[in-house]
Protein backbone atom coordinates (compact mmCIF):
# COMPACT_ATOMS: atom_id res chain seq x y z
CA MET A 1 95.90 97.71 93.09
CA THR A 2 92.23 98.27 93.85
CA ASP A 3 89.18 99.55 92.08
CA LEU A 4 88.01 103.06 92.72
CA PRO A 5 85.20 103.58 95.24
CA GLY A 6 81.82 103.15 93.72
CA SER A 7 82.66 100.03 91.75
CA THR A 8 80.18 97.20 91.55
CA GLN A 9 79.69 94.76 94.37
CA SER A 10 81.06 91.88 92.32
CA ALA A 11 84.49 93.52 92.43
CA PRO A 12 84.91 95.05 95.88
CA ALA A 13 87.28 97.98 96.11
CA GLU A 14 88.66 97.21 99.53
CA PRO A 15 88.73 94.53 102.23
CA THR A 16 85.39 94.75 104.00
CA VAL A 17 83.73 93.00 106.89
CA PRO A 18 80.76 90.95 105.70
CA ALA A 19 77.34 91.74 107.10
CA HIS A 20 76.62 89.50 110.09
CA ARG A 21 73.08 88.21 109.99
CA PRO A 22 71.49 87.10 113.25
CA PRO A 23 70.89 83.34 113.55
CA PRO A 24 67.38 81.94 113.33
CA PRO A 25 65.66 81.12 116.60
CA GLY A 26 66.89 77.83 117.95
CA PRO A 27 68.81 76.25 120.79
CA GLU A 28 71.43 78.23 122.60
CA PRO A 29 74.99 77.83 121.28
CA ALA A 30 77.33 75.55 123.15
CA PRO A 31 79.51 77.19 125.79
CA GLU A 32 82.81 78.49 124.51
CA SER A 33 85.76 76.21 125.09
CA ALA A 34 88.63 77.29 127.24
CA PRO A 35 90.86 79.76 125.48
CA GLY A 36 94.07 78.53 123.96
CA PRO A 37 97.49 80.10 124.31
CA PRO A 38 97.73 83.82 123.65
CA SER A 39 98.00 84.70 120.02
CA ALA A 40 99.07 87.84 118.22
CA SER A 41 95.90 87.87 116.18
CA ALA A 42 93.33 90.55 116.69
CA SER A 43 89.70 89.62 116.49
CA VAL A 44 86.55 91.53 117.08
CA PRO A 45 83.39 89.78 118.17
CA PRO A 46 80.38 91.67 116.93
CA SER A 47 78.44 90.42 119.91
CA ALA A 48 77.87 87.52 122.18
CA GLY A 49 75.64 84.75 121.03
CA THR A 50 75.78 85.44 117.29
CA THR A 51 77.04 83.25 114.49
CA PRO A 52 78.61 84.45 111.25
CA PRO A 53 76.70 83.91 108.03
CA LYS A 54 77.70 81.01 105.85
CA GLU A 55 79.17 83.24 103.17
CA ALA A 56 81.66 84.57 105.73
CA ASP A 57 82.97 81.13 106.67
CA SER A 58 85.57 80.93 103.95
CA ALA A 59 88.32 83.48 103.77
CA THR A 60 88.73 85.48 100.63
CA ALA A 61 91.04 88.31 99.71
CA ASP A 62 88.23 90.75 100.36
CA SER A 63 86.69 89.51 103.57
CA PRO A 64 87.86 88.41 106.99
CA THR A 65 87.74 84.84 108.10
CA ALA A 66 85.74 83.44 110.95
CA ASP A 67 87.66 82.41 114.00
CA SER A 68 86.68 78.78 114.25
CA ASP A 69 87.66 78.32 117.86
CA SER A 70 85.11 80.79 119.17
CA GLY A 71 81.37 80.61 119.30
CA ARG A 72 80.84 84.31 119.71
CA GLY A 73 80.85 85.39 116.08
CA ALA A 74 83.08 86.26 113.21
CA TYR A 75 86.51 87.58 114.00
CA LEU A 76 88.82 89.63 111.83
CA SER A 77 91.61 87.35 110.72
CA ASN A 78 95.29 88.17 110.70
CA ARG A 79 95.18 87.85 106.93
CA PHE A 80 92.46 90.47 106.66
CA LEU A 81 94.21 92.86 109.06
CA ALA A 82 97.52 92.45 107.26
CA ARG A 83 95.92 93.08 103.88
CA ALA A 84 93.97 96.08 105.15
CA ALA A 85 97.08 97.51 106.81
CA LEU A 86 99.13 96.99 103.65
CA LEU A 87 96.59 98.70 101.41
CA THR A 88 96.17 101.51 103.92
CA ALA A 89 99.94 101.96 104.21
CA LEU A 90 100.39 102.00 100.42
CA LEU A 91 97.69 104.60 99.92
CA THR A 92 98.93 106.63 102.87
CA ALA A 93 102.45 106.50 101.46
CA ALA A 94 101.05 107.65 98.12
CA GLY A 95 99.27 110.51 99.89
CA ALA A 96 102.48 111.39 101.77
CA LEU A 97 104.49 111.37 98.55
CA LEU A 98 101.93 113.62 96.93
CA GLY A 99 102.21 115.81 100.02
CA LEU A 100 105.93 116.07 99.34
CA VAL A 101 105.20 116.93 95.72
CA ARG A 102 102.80 119.57 97.02
CA ASP A 103 105.48 121.01 99.29
CA GLN A 104 108.04 120.84 96.49
CA THR A 105 105.64 122.74 94.25
CA ILE A 106 105.13 125.40 96.92
CA ALA A 107 108.89 125.66 97.47
CA HIS A 108 109.54 125.90 93.71
CA LEU A 109 106.81 128.45 93.01
CA TYR A 110 107.06 130.63 96.11
CA GLY A 111 110.36 129.76 97.85
CA ALA A 112 110.72 130.24 101.61
CA GLY A 113 109.88 133.93 101.99
CA PRO A 114 107.14 136.22 103.33
CA GLY A 115 104.50 134.94 100.90
CA THR A 116 105.05 131.32 101.92
CA ASP A 117 105.03 132.30 105.59
CA ALA A 118 101.65 134.02 105.08
CA PHE A 119 100.22 130.89 103.46
CA LEU A 120 101.62 128.63 106.17
CA VAL A 121 99.83 130.68 108.82
CA ALA A 122 96.60 129.98 106.91
CA TRP A 123 97.74 126.35 106.56
CA THR A 124 97.27 126.08 110.32
CA VAL A 125 93.51 125.86 109.69
CA PRO A 126 93.58 122.59 107.68
CA GLU A 127 96.23 121.18 110.03
CA VAL A 128 94.02 121.76 113.06
CA ALA A 129 90.90 120.67 111.16
CA SER A 130 92.61 117.46 110.04
CA THR A 131 93.53 116.54 113.60
CA LEU A 132 90.21 117.52 115.11
CA LEU A 133 87.81 116.38 112.37
CA ILE A 134 89.57 113.43 110.72
CA GLU A 135 92.43 111.86 112.63
CA ASP A 136 91.79 112.31 116.33
CA ALA A 137 88.54 113.68 117.74
CA MET A 138 86.07 112.48 115.11
CA ALA A 139 87.66 109.03 114.90
CA LEU A 140 88.06 108.61 118.66
CA ILE A 141 84.38 109.42 119.21
CA LEU A 142 82.68 107.82 116.22
CA VAL A 143 84.67 104.62 115.58
CA PRO A 144 83.72 103.21 119.03
CA ALA A 145 80.15 104.52 118.55
CA PHE A 146 79.74 102.79 115.18
CA SER A 147 81.43 99.66 116.56
CA LEU A 148 78.92 99.54 119.42
CA ALA A 149 76.04 100.15 116.99
CA LEU A 150 77.23 97.26 114.81
CA ALA A 151 77.51 95.00 117.87
CA ARG A 152 73.95 95.89 118.90
CA ARG A 153 72.71 95.31 115.37
CA ALA A 154 74.30 91.86 115.32
CA ALA A 155 72.77 91.08 118.72
CA ARG A 156 69.32 92.14 117.44
CA GLU A 157 69.13 94.71 120.26
CA PRO A 158 66.29 97.25 120.03
CA LEU A 159 67.14 100.92 120.30
CA PRO A 160 67.23 102.58 123.73
CA ALA A 161 64.03 104.11 125.01
CA GLY A 162 63.08 107.38 123.36
CA SER A 163 64.45 106.54 119.90
CA PRO A 164 61.93 107.13 117.07
CA PRO A 165 60.52 103.78 115.86
CA ASP A 166 59.95 104.92 112.27
CA GLY A 167 59.82 101.57 110.54
CA ALA A 168 62.52 99.00 110.17
CA SER A 169 65.39 101.42 109.71
CA GLY A 170 64.32 103.21 112.88
CA ARG A 171 65.08 100.05 114.85
CA ASP A 172 68.55 99.71 113.37
CA PRO A 173 71.25 101.15 115.68
CA VAL A 174 73.54 102.20 112.82
CA HIS A 175 70.83 104.17 111.04
CA ALA A 176 69.75 105.64 114.37
CA LEU A 177 73.30 106.81 114.99
CA LEU A 178 73.35 108.50 111.59
CA ARG A 179 70.04 110.26 112.22
CA THR A 180 71.02 111.54 115.64
CA THR A 181 74.53 112.76 114.79
CA LEU A 182 74.80 113.76 111.11
CA PRO A 183 72.24 116.65 110.93
CA THR A 184 73.65 118.29 114.06
CA LEU A 185 77.18 117.86 112.74
CA LEU A 186 76.29 119.49 109.40
CA LEU A 187 74.88 122.55 111.16
CA ALA A 188 77.86 122.86 113.50
CA LEU A 189 80.41 122.50 110.70
CA SER A 190 78.64 125.08 108.52
CA ALA A 191 78.51 127.59 111.37
CA GLY A 192 82.16 126.95 112.23
CA ALA A 193 83.36 127.52 108.66
CA VAL A 194 81.43 130.79 108.30
CA LEU A 195 82.61 132.04 111.68
CA LEU A 196 86.22 131.25 110.80
CA MET A 197 85.97 133.21 107.56
CA LEU A 198 84.57 136.25 109.37
CA ALA A 199 87.17 136.06 112.15
CA ALA A 200 90.16 135.55 109.80
CA PRO A 201 91.88 138.89 110.67
CA TRP A 202 91.80 138.12 114.39
CA VAL A 203 92.91 134.51 113.79
CA VAL A 204 95.98 135.69 111.85
CA ALA A 205 96.81 138.29 114.50
CA LEU A 206 96.61 135.59 117.18
CA LEU A 207 98.64 132.97 115.32
CA ALA A 208 101.42 135.20 113.96
CA PRO A 209 101.52 138.65 115.56
CA GLY A 210 104.88 139.51 113.96
CA LEU A 211 103.92 138.53 110.42
CA PRO A 212 104.78 141.31 107.90
CA ASP A 213 102.02 140.65 105.31
CA THR A 214 98.83 140.07 107.30
CA ARG A 215 96.48 140.89 104.41
CA LEU A 216 97.76 138.00 102.33
CA ALA A 217 97.51 135.68 105.33
CA VAL A 218 93.90 136.77 105.94
CA ASP A 219 92.94 136.06 102.30
CA CYS A 220 94.54 132.61 102.48
CA THR A 221 92.86 131.87 105.83
CA ARG A 222 89.41 132.65 104.42
CA LEU A 223 90.03 130.23 101.56
CA THR A 224 91.28 127.45 103.82
CA ALA A 225 88.39 127.97 106.26
CA THR A 226 86.17 125.92 103.94
CA CYS A 227 87.95 122.80 105.18
CA ALA A 228 86.21 123.23 108.55
CA PHE A 229 83.13 121.88 106.75
CA SER A 230 84.61 119.48 104.19
CA PHE A 231 87.06 117.85 106.60
CA GLY A 232 84.27 117.22 109.09
CA ILE A 233 82.18 115.35 106.53
CA ALA A 234 85.24 113.44 105.33
CA GLY A 235 86.10 112.47 108.92
CA TYR A 236 82.55 111.28 109.60
CA CYS A 237 82.63 109.07 106.49
CA SER A 238 86.07 107.73 107.43
CA ALA A 239 84.95 106.75 110.94
CA ALA A 240 81.84 105.00 109.64
CA LEU A 241 83.75 103.08 106.98
CA ARG A 242 86.56 101.99 109.31
CA ALA A 243 84.08 100.69 111.87
CA HIS A 244 82.45 98.68 109.07
CA GLY A 245 85.84 97.25 108.05
CA SER A 246 86.35 99.38 104.91
CA PHE A 247 89.79 100.97 105.01
CA VAL A 248 90.74 101.84 101.43
CA PRO A 249 88.41 104.84 100.83
CA PRO A 250 89.50 106.56 104.08
CA ALA A 251 93.13 105.97 103.12
CA MET A 252 92.53 107.59 99.72
CA ILE A 253 91.44 110.95 101.09
CA TYR A 254 94.92 112.47 101.28
CA VAL A 255 95.71 111.30 97.78
CA ALA A 256 92.65 113.19 96.54
CA TYR A 257 93.39 116.15 98.81
CA ASN A 258 96.94 116.68 97.60
CA ILE A 259 95.98 116.16 93.97
CA GLY A 260 93.43 118.95 94.37
CA ILE A 261 96.00 121.33 95.89
CA ILE A 262 98.71 120.57 93.33
CA ALA A 263 96.36 120.90 90.36
CA THR A 264 94.91 124.17 91.64
CA MET A 265 98.37 125.67 92.17
CA LEU A 266 99.54 124.69 88.70
CA ILE A 267 96.42 126.10 87.08
CA LEU A 268 95.93 129.31 89.08
CA SER A 269 99.38 130.21 90.41
CA ASP A 270 100.11 132.82 87.72
CA ARG A 271 96.80 134.53 88.43
CA LEU A 272 96.48 134.20 92.21
CA GLY A 273 100.03 133.73 93.46
CA VAL A 274 100.26 131.93 96.80
CA ARG A 275 96.49 132.30 97.19
CA ALA A 276 96.21 129.47 94.65
CA ALA A 277 97.62 127.09 97.27
CA ALA A 278 94.92 128.18 99.71
CA ALA A 279 92.25 127.71 97.04
CA GLY A 280 93.65 124.23 96.47
CA VAL A 281 92.89 123.38 100.10
CA ALA A 282 89.20 124.14 99.42
CA VAL A 283 89.22 121.99 96.27
CA GLY A 284 91.08 119.14 97.97
CA GLY A 285 88.62 119.12 100.88
CA CYS A 286 85.73 118.55 98.49
CA LEU A 287 87.59 115.69 96.84
CA MET A 288 88.11 114.03 100.24
CA VAL A 289 84.36 113.75 100.61
CA LEU A 290 83.73 112.63 97.03
CA VAL A 291 86.09 109.63 97.18
CA GLN A 292 84.22 108.23 100.21
CA ALA A 293 80.58 109.23 99.74
CA PRO A 294 79.71 106.57 97.09
CA VAL A 295 81.12 103.79 99.28
CA VAL A 296 79.29 105.03 102.38
CA LEU A 297 75.97 105.14 100.51
CA ARG A 298 76.55 101.67 99.07
CA ARG A 299 77.37 100.20 102.49
CA LEU A 300 74.23 101.72 104.00
CA ARG A 301 72.08 100.26 101.21
CA GLU A 302 73.72 96.86 101.71
CA ARG A 303 72.85 96.94 105.44
CA ARG A 304 69.21 97.98 105.01
CA ALA A 305 68.06 94.42 104.32
CA THR A 306 69.83 93.25 107.45
CA ALA A 307 68.14 96.01 109.44
CA GLU A 308 64.72 94.98 108.16
CA ARG A 309 65.29 91.37 109.22
CA THR A 310 66.58 92.51 112.58
CA ALA A 311 63.48 94.61 113.28
CA SER A 312 61.16 91.62 112.80
CA GLU A 313 63.00 89.26 115.17
CA PRO A 314 63.19 89.21 118.97
CA SER A 315 66.27 90.74 120.50
CA GLY A 316 69.02 88.43 121.69
CA GLU A 317 71.76 88.79 124.23
CA GLN A 318 73.06 92.30 124.38
CA PRO A 319 76.75 93.07 123.99
CA GLY A 320 78.87 94.86 126.54
CA GLY A 321 77.69 98.36 127.21
CA ALA A 322 74.05 97.50 126.53
CA GLY A 323 71.63 100.25 127.36
CA ARG A 324 74.14 103.09 127.23
CA PRO A 325 73.85 105.69 124.46
CA LEU A 326 75.87 105.07 121.31
CA VAL A 327 77.62 108.45 121.63
CA ALA A 328 78.33 109.46 125.23
CA LEU A 329 78.11 113.23 125.50
CA GLY A 330 80.63 113.14 128.34
CA LEU A 331 83.18 111.71 125.88
CA LEU A 332 83.11 114.79 123.65
CA ALA A 333 84.86 117.22 125.98
CA PRO A 334 87.99 115.15 126.86
CA VAL A 335 88.45 114.00 123.26
CA ILE A 336 88.14 117.52 121.85
CA VAL A 337 90.44 118.97 124.51
CA PHE A 338 93.02 116.27 123.77
CA ALA A 339 92.86 116.82 120.01
CA LEU A 340 93.05 120.61 120.23
CA THR A 341 95.88 120.48 122.75
CA ARG A 342 97.84 118.10 120.57
CA GLN A 343 97.45 120.28 117.51
CA SER A 344 98.25 123.41 119.51
CA GLN A 345 101.88 122.35 119.40
CA VAL A 346 101.97 123.58 115.81
CA LEU A 347 100.32 126.86 116.81
CA ILE A 348 102.88 127.40 119.57
CA GLU A 349 105.76 126.71 117.19
CA ARG A 350 104.53 129.20 114.61
CA PHE A 351 103.79 131.78 117.27
CA LEU A 352 107.38 131.50 118.56
CA ALA A 353 108.83 131.49 115.02
CA ALA A 354 106.85 134.51 113.73
CA PRO A 355 109.32 137.15 115.05
CA LEU A 356 112.34 135.24 113.64
CA PRO A 357 113.85 136.09 110.24
CA ALA A 358 111.73 135.38 107.14
CA GLY A 359 111.66 131.71 106.23
CA ALA A 360 111.75 130.36 109.80
CA ILE A 361 108.15 129.14 109.67
CA SER A 362 108.81 127.58 106.26
CA HIS A 363 111.87 125.71 107.56
CA LEU A 364 109.84 124.37 110.47
CA ASN A 365 107.03 123.32 108.13
CA TYR A 366 109.19 121.51 105.58
CA ALA A 367 111.21 119.76 108.28
CA GLN A 368 108.11 118.62 110.12
CA LYS A 369 106.41 117.33 106.97
CA VAL A 370 109.36 115.11 106.05
CA ALA A 371 110.21 114.02 109.60
CA GLN A 372 106.67 112.91 110.39
CA MET A 373 106.47 110.43 107.48
CA PRO A 374 107.83 107.50 109.57
CA MET A 375 105.27 108.34 112.26
CA VAL A 376 102.41 108.40 109.75
CA LEU A 377 103.40 105.02 108.32
CA SER A 378 103.90 103.49 111.77
CA LEU A 379 100.37 104.45 112.83
CA MET A 380 98.70 102.78 109.85
CA LEU A 381 98.43 99.44 111.64
CA CYS A 382 96.90 101.17 114.67
CA THR A 383 94.40 102.90 112.40
CA VAL A 384 93.30 99.56 110.94
CA THR A 385 93.11 97.78 114.30
CA PHE A 386 91.37 100.59 116.23
CA PRO A 387 87.90 99.18 115.33
CA VAL A 388 89.23 95.75 116.35
CA VAL A 389 90.17 97.01 119.81
CA ALA A 390 86.95 99.01 120.11
CA ARG A 391 84.73 96.00 119.38
CA ALA A 392 86.79 93.78 121.68
CA MET A 393 86.35 96.30 124.50
CA ALA A 394 82.62 96.62 123.72
CA ALA A 395 82.35 92.83 124.09
CA GLY A 396 84.37 92.82 127.32
CA ASP A 397 87.24 90.84 125.77
CA THR A 398 90.08 92.82 127.36
CA ASP A 399 92.64 90.04 126.93
CA ARG A 400 92.20 90.04 123.16
CA ALA A 401 92.42 93.83 123.15
CA ARG A 402 95.63 93.71 125.23
CA ARG A 403 97.37 91.28 122.88
CA ARG A 404 96.42 93.40 119.89
CA VAL A 405 97.59 96.65 121.49
CA GLU A 406 100.92 95.23 122.65
CA ARG A 407 101.73 93.90 119.21
CA ASP A 408 100.68 97.15 117.55
CA LEU A 409 102.87 99.22 119.87
CA ALA A 410 105.91 97.04 119.20
CA LEU A 411 105.45 97.04 115.42
CA ALA A 412 104.80 100.79 115.35
CA GLY A 413 107.95 101.30 117.43
CA VAL A 414 110.04 99.30 114.97
CA ILE A 415 108.78 101.28 111.98
CA VAL A 416 109.09 104.74 113.51
CA LEU A 417 112.52 104.14 115.05
CA VAL A 418 113.99 102.86 111.80
CA GLY A 419 112.46 105.88 110.07
CA ALA A 420 113.77 108.29 112.72
CA ALA A 421 117.27 106.82 112.47
CA THR A 422 117.17 107.28 108.70
CA VAL A 423 115.95 110.87 109.00
CA VAL A 424 118.73 111.82 111.42
CA ALA A 425 121.43 109.95 109.50
CA CYS A 426 120.80 111.52 106.10
CA ALA A 427 118.73 114.65 106.70
CA PRO A 428 120.76 116.97 104.42
CA GLN A 429 120.66 114.49 101.54
CA ILE A 430 116.90 114.00 101.90
CA ILE A 431 116.14 117.73 101.92
CA GLU A 432 118.50 118.40 99.00
CA ILE A 433 116.85 115.67 96.92
CA LEU A 434 113.32 116.77 97.75
CA PHE A 435 113.45 120.56 97.85
CA GLN A 436 116.71 122.16 96.68
CA ARG A 437 115.60 123.69 93.41
CA GLY A 438 114.06 126.94 92.23
CA ALA A 439 113.77 129.50 95.06
CA PHE A 440 114.77 126.91 97.69
CA ASP A 441 118.56 127.32 97.94
CA ARG A 442 121.43 125.59 99.78
CA ALA A 443 121.01 127.74 102.90
CA ASP A 444 117.35 126.67 103.13
CA THR A 445 118.46 123.04 102.80
CA ALA A 446 120.96 123.32 105.66
CA ALA A 447 118.47 125.09 107.96
CA THR A 448 115.64 122.64 107.22
CA ALA A 449 117.87 119.57 107.65
CA ALA A 450 119.06 120.77 111.06
CA VAL A 451 115.48 121.32 112.25
CA MET A 452 114.42 117.94 110.90
CA ARG A 453 117.10 116.14 112.90
CA VAL A 454 115.85 117.72 116.11
CA TYR A 455 112.22 116.94 115.26
CA ALA A 456 113.15 113.28 114.73
CA LEU A 457 114.06 112.96 118.42
CA GLY A 458 110.35 113.17 119.26
CA LEU A 459 109.04 110.79 116.60
CA LEU A 460 108.72 107.80 118.95
CA GLY A 461 106.79 109.99 121.37
CA HIS A 462 104.42 111.16 118.63
CA THR A 463 103.81 107.56 117.55
CA LEU A 464 103.14 106.32 121.07
CA VAL A 465 100.73 109.16 121.76
CA GLY A 466 98.83 108.46 118.54
CA ALA A 467 98.66 104.72 119.27
CA LEU A 468 97.90 104.88 122.98
CA VAL A 469 95.13 107.46 122.80
CA ARG A 470 93.13 104.98 120.72
CA CYS A 471 93.38 102.54 123.63
CA TYR A 472 92.11 105.11 126.12
CA PHE A 473 88.99 105.92 124.12
CA SER A 474 88.34 102.47 122.59
CA ALA A 475 85.75 101.68 125.26
CA ALA A 476 83.87 104.96 124.56
CA ARG A 477 84.21 106.07 128.18
CA PRO A 478 84.94 109.69 129.14
CA LEU A 479 88.55 109.82 130.35
CA TRP A 480 90.36 113.05 131.13
CA PHE A 481 93.79 111.51 131.72
CA PRO A 482 94.96 111.71 128.04
CA ALA A 483 93.90 115.37 127.80
CA LEU A 484 95.68 116.23 131.06
CA ALA A 485 98.84 114.44 129.93
CA MET A 486 98.71 116.31 126.62
CA LEU A 487 98.21 119.63 128.40
CA LEU A 488 101.32 118.98 130.48
CA GLY A 489 103.24 118.11 127.33
CA LEU A 490 102.05 121.31 125.66
CA ALA A 491 103.18 123.34 128.67
CA LEU A 492 106.65 121.79 128.39
CA THR A 493 106.70 122.43 124.64
CA THR A 494 105.80 126.08 125.20
CA ALA A 495 108.24 126.64 128.05
CA GLY A 496 111.08 124.77 126.37
CA GLY A 497 110.58 126.53 123.05
CA ALA A 498 110.34 129.96 124.67
CA LEU A 499 113.52 129.37 126.67
CA LEU A 500 115.56 127.93 123.80
CA VAL A 501 114.40 130.04 120.84
CA GLY A 502 116.56 132.97 121.89
CA THR A 503 119.71 130.82 121.85
CA TRP A 504 119.03 128.15 119.23
CA GLY A 505 116.36 129.82 117.06
CA VAL A 506 114.16 127.34 115.22
CA LEU A 507 116.20 124.45 116.63
CA GLY A 508 115.07 125.44 120.12
CA ILE A 509 111.43 125.38 118.99
CA ALA A 510 111.86 121.87 117.57
CA ALA A 511 113.61 120.73 120.75
CA GLY A 512 110.68 121.98 122.83
CA ASN A 513 108.34 119.92 120.64
CA ALA A 514 110.39 116.75 121.15
CA LEU A 515 110.53 117.29 124.91
CA GLY A 516 106.80 117.90 125.36
CA ILE A 517 105.57 114.99 123.24
CA THR A 518 108.05 112.54 124.82
CA VAL A 519 106.85 113.37 128.33
CA THR A 520 103.24 112.97 127.15
CA ALA A 521 104.03 109.55 125.69
CA VAL A 522 105.66 108.37 128.92
CA LEU A 523 102.62 109.45 130.95
CA LEU A 524 100.15 107.76 128.58
CA LEU A 525 102.15 104.52 128.46
CA HIS A 526 102.36 104.24 132.24
CA GLY A 527 98.67 105.08 132.71
CA VAL A 528 97.09 102.90 130.03
CA ALA A 529 96.82 99.74 132.15
CA ARG A 530 95.10 101.61 134.97
CA HIS A 531 92.66 103.58 132.82
CA SER A 532 92.00 101.39 129.75
CA VAL A 533 93.49 98.27 128.15
CA PRO A 534 95.50 96.18 130.66
CA VAL A 535 98.80 96.42 128.79
CA ARG A 536 101.91 94.98 130.46
CA VAL A 537 103.66 98.31 130.92
CA ARG A 538 107.04 97.03 132.13
CA HIS A 539 107.22 94.53 129.31
CA MET A 540 106.41 97.19 126.71
CA THR A 541 108.79 99.75 128.24
CA GLY A 542 111.65 97.27 128.18
CA GLY A 543 110.95 96.37 124.57
CA LEU A 544 110.85 100.02 123.47
CA VAL A 545 114.14 100.73 125.27
CA LYS A 546 115.79 97.86 123.37
CA LEU A 547 114.42 99.13 120.06
CA SER A 548 115.62 102.66 120.87
CA ALA A 549 119.13 101.41 121.61
CA ALA A 550 119.23 99.59 118.28
CA ALA A 551 118.00 102.74 116.52
CA ALA A 552 120.70 104.90 118.18
CA ALA A 553 123.46 102.59 116.98
CA ALA A 554 121.93 102.42 113.51
CA THR A 555 121.77 106.22 113.36
CA GLY A 556 125.49 106.59 114.02
CA ALA A 557 126.43 103.96 111.46
CA GLY A 558 124.14 105.41 108.79
CA TRP A 559 125.33 109.00 109.43
CA LEU A 560 128.98 107.96 109.06
CA CYS A 561 128.43 105.97 105.87
CA GLY A 562 126.22 108.64 104.27
CA ALA A 563 128.79 111.37 104.97
CA LEU A 564 131.46 109.41 103.07
CA ILE A 565 129.54 109.73 99.78
CA PRO A 566 129.27 113.31 98.46
CA ALA A 567 126.42 112.73 95.98
CA PRO A 568 123.07 113.09 97.82
CA LEU A 569 121.11 110.24 96.21
CA PRO A 570 123.75 107.48 96.54
CA GLY A 571 124.67 108.76 99.99
CA ALA A 572 121.06 108.60 101.17
CA ALA A 573 120.58 105.15 99.63
CA VAL A 574 123.66 103.73 101.36
CA ALA A 575 122.71 105.33 104.67
CA CYS A 576 119.22 103.81 104.50
CA LEU A 577 120.59 100.32 103.86
CA VAL A 578 123.15 100.62 106.66
CA VAL A 579 120.53 101.91 109.12
CA ALA A 580 118.17 99.01 108.36
CA ALA A 581 120.90 96.37 108.56
CA VAL A 582 122.48 97.64 111.79
CA PHE A 583 119.07 98.09 113.43
CA LEU A 584 118.03 94.55 112.56
CA VAL A 585 121.27 92.97 113.80
CA ILE A 586 121.32 94.82 117.13
CA ALA A 587 117.59 94.47 117.73
CA ARG A 588 117.82 90.70 117.25
CA ALA A 589 120.89 90.56 119.49
CA VAL A 590 119.08 92.28 122.37
CA GLN A 591 115.90 90.26 121.70
CA ALA A 592 113.71 93.28 121.00
CA PRO A 593 109.97 92.52 120.58
CA GLU A 594 108.47 91.51 117.21
CA ILE A 595 111.84 91.44 115.42
CA ASP A 596 111.96 87.66 115.09
CA SER A 597 108.37 87.51 113.83
CA LEU A 598 109.13 90.18 111.22
CA VAL A 599 112.22 88.31 110.05
CA ARG A 600 110.30 85.03 109.82
CA SER A 601 107.54 86.73 107.88
CA VAL A 602 109.94 88.28 105.36
CA THR A 603 112.09 85.16 104.92
CA GLY A 604 108.96 83.04 104.59
CA ARG A 605 107.68 85.22 101.77
CA PHE A 606 111.01 84.98 99.94
CA ALA A 607 110.97 81.20 100.40
CA ASN A 608 107.50 81.06 98.89
CA VAL A 609 108.65 83.15 95.92
CA ARG A 610 111.52 80.77 95.25
């Protein structure tokens, strides 16, 4: 598919945005013509008043095209975004499949008993670290910061007052951002990892007070605490690369991570038991950094020549947000509170499940891992287009950002609702195929499948929260509304789970999760136009309702057809086909958004093949 990171420049490993050189001094560019009709394309002007270099004028498979109808710079083409999203989705799917293999290996080696529960308490550390340091907080802060730095570089803007002018690289905003953030981050991550290791007994007691084997959980927690450092570095590299238009290395990190865990378990399981899985987290975290570091270093070396030219030329027109710091300190608190609150849902679930019979935490974990796969895949497009929206907002092009966000929300809704319908329709077959072997018996399959069906009810909410929060923070402004909405959702999750766990057990905990995240999604959707990108809320709400109705009908049809076939694999296959077909027919009948464009795209590709 692609070369590994670190390959030579003549064979790029991923679609990348070409370096935009500033134009030579000359007459001002002609005023931009009136905009044409709205388009679904997403483009990101690096700045006002800049022109793309000649080598970026022609589209290739590895670089975006220039938007010829705009004089404001090179825009990311639909072709580039589609290719980047496809590669990201494929690698993410590979990482998710390896994650399933990882979970299958854990289930086969250790079953769903006290030892696995002890490890899963320690597994909370990488789950929280992944959200805080890779997926949410780090990306929401640094992708807009790097996007603004790239816009200032392209506009030949000098650094704000007080920045150290140590040669040419000192005048480059991207290098300045690295110097001001990376050393402090390294110190904070190191201190956090050491502190977590020392506080492991208290962390375990807080997360799972009813756990029978706390010593094993403490040992596993100390091993997984290393990810507080490695995940932070991996998240920093991912944010920098995505802002530069490199998406393949960040998408490879979970492939490397899961390979490290699986290999460590297979090698050390006989000697360390379930502690081998925790040691695999430490190994996998190091691999996440190693797959990105060569590409980051190469991109920085490629930009140095541009920085040197920029330092010797007068500054041009400054992009939106000129004069403000690249990383607003006021942005840190709301982003971190949002990310921690979102991940606290997992902590609440395990806290409520700890007093339940052995295996309850394991059933929740396996169900959640499988159920969230449609959500992960649906957010891949939003991950690729987040730098697009961030640069558009930095340039003040809110209309372009709105069109991009509306299309992303609709496409993400299609993907996650089809996936949720499939999960609900054939949950027992999926769990039996994936996990029912070794120490994982039929009773574990039935319990996990039931939990997974309840979790699936909140998948659309999880997807909308993940997509919309990128809109709120794309302009790098401190906003507390997402954190407050997430706090309310967490309160509902906690209250609902606590009320229902006594009657429904683990199903009540999953139901509380679905309730809390759905309310959060509704609040974020109805507040996005007022606080961030001017999305047409009524239009989007109506479209999502239509897609949900199609998914509900598809779920019933798939469930019925899958139940008629006793063998799990054929039953699941038939249910998947029925779900997709019924969803497509009903969605087209009710004129749900983006369905016709998807059909045209698929039929057009088949026509080209013929």
